[in-house]
Amino acid sequence: MTNLTVKNLSVEVYGRLRIIAAERGVSIEEAARQILDEVSRPSEKVGDVIVEYVQSLNAFLPEIKRSDEAPEPTDFS
């Protein structure tokens, strides 16, 4: 484990963190660790969530090749 010191934390942020900790029933330090863990995880792609759900239903889902290329922007003019 490593340590992190946060300096110059505003009173407002500390107050919100204190409330979150109380709601979760944990210490402020633990609440900060939980929040940092939650926000630092890579976001799930909607397609991955749908695939996981359909697979949990044991439904047939054909294999679809994904592209990592960014889509072209739409021109509305």
C-alpha atoms as a PDB file:
ATOM      1  CA  MET A   1       0.000   0.000   0.000  1.00  0.00           C
ATOM      2  CA  THR A   2       1.066   3.555  -0.628  1.00  0.00           C
ATOM      3  CA  ASN A   3       0.196   6.821   1.074  1.00  0.00           C
ATOM      4  CA  LEU A   4      -1.275  10.009  -0.334  1.00  0.00           C
ATOM      5  CA  THR A   5      -1.461  13.364   1.381  1.00  0.00           C
ATOM      6  CA  VAL A   6      -3.992  15.892   0.104  1.00  0.00           C
ATOM      7  CA  LYS A   7      -3.111  19.471   0.975  1.00  0.00           C
ATOM      8  CA  ASN A   8      -5.309  22.562   0.775  1.00  0.00           C
ATOM      9  CA  LEU A   9      -8.583  20.619   0.817  1.00  0.00           C
ATOM     10  CA  SER A  10     -11.434  23.108   1.014  1.00  0.00           C
ATOM     11  CA  VAL A  11     -13.788  23.110   3.985  1.00  0.00           C
ATOM     12  CA  GLU A  12     -16.685  22.415   1.595  1.00  0.00           C
ATOM     13  CA  VAL A  13     -15.054  19.315   0.121  1.00  0.00           C
ATOM     14  CA  TYR A  14     -14.087  18.043   3.557  1.00  0.00           C
ATOM     15  CA  GLY A  15     -17.665  18.578   4.750  1.00  0.00           C
ATOM     16  CA  ARG A  16     -19.107  16.639   1.806  1.00  0.00           C
ATOM     17  CA  LEU A  17     -16.580  13.865   2.382  1.00  0.00           C
ATOM     18  CA  ARG A  18     -17.568  13.746   6.056  1.00  0.00           C
ATOM     19  CA  ILE A  19     -21.252  13.350   5.086  1.00  0.00           C
ATOM     20  CA  ILE A  20     -20.450  10.605   2.573  1.00  0.00           C
ATOM     21  CA  ALA A  21     -18.420   8.770   5.213  1.00  0.00           C
ATOM     22  CA  ALA A  22     -21.295   8.984   7.695  1.00  0.00           C
ATOM     23  CA  GLU A  23     -23.782   7.713   5.107  1.00  0.00           C
ATOM     24  CA  ARG A  24     -21.516   4.767   4.311  1.00  0.00           C
ATOM     25  CA  GLY A  25     -20.738   4.115   7.959  1.00  0.00           C
ATOM     26  CA  VAL A  26     -16.985   4.382   7.452  1.00  0.00           C
ATOM     27  CA  SER A  27     -14.195   6.742   8.427  1.00  0.00           C
ATOM     28  CA  ILE A  28     -13.463   9.820   6.323  1.00  0.00           C
ATOM     29  CA  GLU A  29     -10.195   8.223   5.267  1.00  0.00           C
ATOM     30  CA  GLU A  30     -11.975   5.041   4.146  1.00  0.00           C
ATOM     31  CA  ALA A  31     -14.621   7.067   2.296  1.00  0.00           C
ATOM     32  CA  ALA A  32     -11.855   8.929   0.448  1.00  0.00           C
ATOM     33  CA  ARG A  33     -10.220   5.601  -0.485  1.00  0.00           C
ATOM     34  CA  GLN A  34     -13.553   4.227  -1.737  1.00  0.00           C
ATOM     35  CA  ILE A  35     -14.281   7.335  -3.808  1.00  0.00           C
ATOM     36  CA  LEU A  36     -10.801   7.366  -5.347  1.00  0.00           C
ATOM     37  CA  ASP A  37     -11.180   3.672  -6.181  1.00  0.00           C
ATOM     38  CA  GLU A  38     -14.610   4.236  -7.775  1.00  0.00           C
ATOM     39  CA  VAL A  39     -13.614   7.210  -9.922  1.00  0.00           C
ATOM     40  CA  SER A  40     -10.268   5.781 -11.029  1.00  0.00           C
ATOM     41  CA  ARG A  41     -11.707   2.611 -12.558  1.00  0.00           C
ATOM     42  CA  PRO A  42     -12.033   2.523 -16.337  1.00  0.00           C
ATOM     43  CA  SER A  43     -15.572   3.241 -17.450  1.00  0.00           C
ATOM     44  CA  GLU A  44     -17.640   0.398 -18.825  1.00  0.00           C
ATOM     45  CA  LYS A  45     -18.785   0.566 -22.407  1.00  0.00           C
ATOM     46  CA  VAL A  46     -22.548   0.271 -22.874  1.00  0.00           C
ATOM     47  CA  GLY A  47     -22.049  -2.499 -25.411  1.00  0.00           C
ATOM     48  CA  ASP A  48     -20.060  -4.548 -22.891  1.00  0.00           C
ATOM     49  CA  VAL A  49     -22.845  -4.196 -20.328  1.00  0.00           C
ATOM     50  CA  ILE A  50     -25.455  -5.317 -22.869  1.00  0.00           C
ATOM     51  CA  VAL A  51     -23.363  -8.284 -23.986  1.00  0.00           C
ATOM     52  CA  GLU A  52     -22.825  -9.363 -20.383  1.00  0.00           C
ATOM     53  CA  TYR A  53     -26.563  -9.130 -19.686  1.00  0.00           C
ATOM     54  CA  VAL A  54     -27.560 -11.088 -22.800  1.00  0.00           C
ATOM     55  CA  GLN A  55     -24.963 -13.742 -22.045  1.00  0.00           C
ATOM     56  CA  SER A  56     -26.334 -14.062 -18.510  1.00  0.00           C
ATOM     57  CA  LEU A  57     -29.679 -15.004 -20.110  1.00  0.00           C
ATOM     58  CA  ASN A  58     -27.927 -17.752 -22.097  1.00  0.00           C
ATOM     59  CA  ALA A  59     -29.223 -16.122 -25.281  1.00  0.00           C
ATOM     60  CA  PHE A  60     -27.467 -16.501 -28.618  1.00  0.00           C
ATOM     61  CA  LEU A  61     -25.288 -13.547 -29.468  1.00  0.00           C
ATOM     62  CA  PRO A  62     -23.308 -13.635 -32.723  1.00  0.00           C
ATOM     63  CA  GLU A  63     -19.668 -12.626 -32.627  1.00  0.00           C
ATOM     64  CA  ILE A  64     -19.268  -9.076 -33.906  1.00  0.00           C
ATOM     65  CA  LYS A  65     -15.859  -7.631 -34.721  1.00  0.00           C
ATOM     66  CA  ARG A  66     -15.294  -4.303 -32.963  1.00  0.00           C
ATOM     67  CA  SER A  67     -13.479  -1.365 -34.416  1.00  0.00           C
ATOM     68  CA  ASP A  68     -11.245   0.796 -32.260  1.00  0.00           C
ATOM     69  CA  GLU A  69     -11.420   3.615 -34.787  1.00  0.00           C
ATOM     70  CA  ALA A  70     -13.273   6.764 -33.776  1.00  0.00           C
ATOM     71  CA  PRO A  71     -16.450   7.318 -35.796  1.00  0.00           C
ATOM     72  CA  GLU A  72     -16.607  10.171 -38.286  1.00  0.00           C
ATOM     73  CA  PRO A  73     -18.562  13.179 -36.993  1.00  0.00           C
ATOM     74  CA  THR A  74     -21.992  13.734 -38.519  1.00  0.00           C
ATOM     75  CA  ASP A  75     -22.438  16.788 -40.714  1.00  0.00           C
ATOM     76  CA  PHE A  76     -25.848  18.381 -40.047  1.00  0.00           C
ATOM     77  CA  SER A  77     -25.414  21.264 -42.480  1.00  0.00           C
END
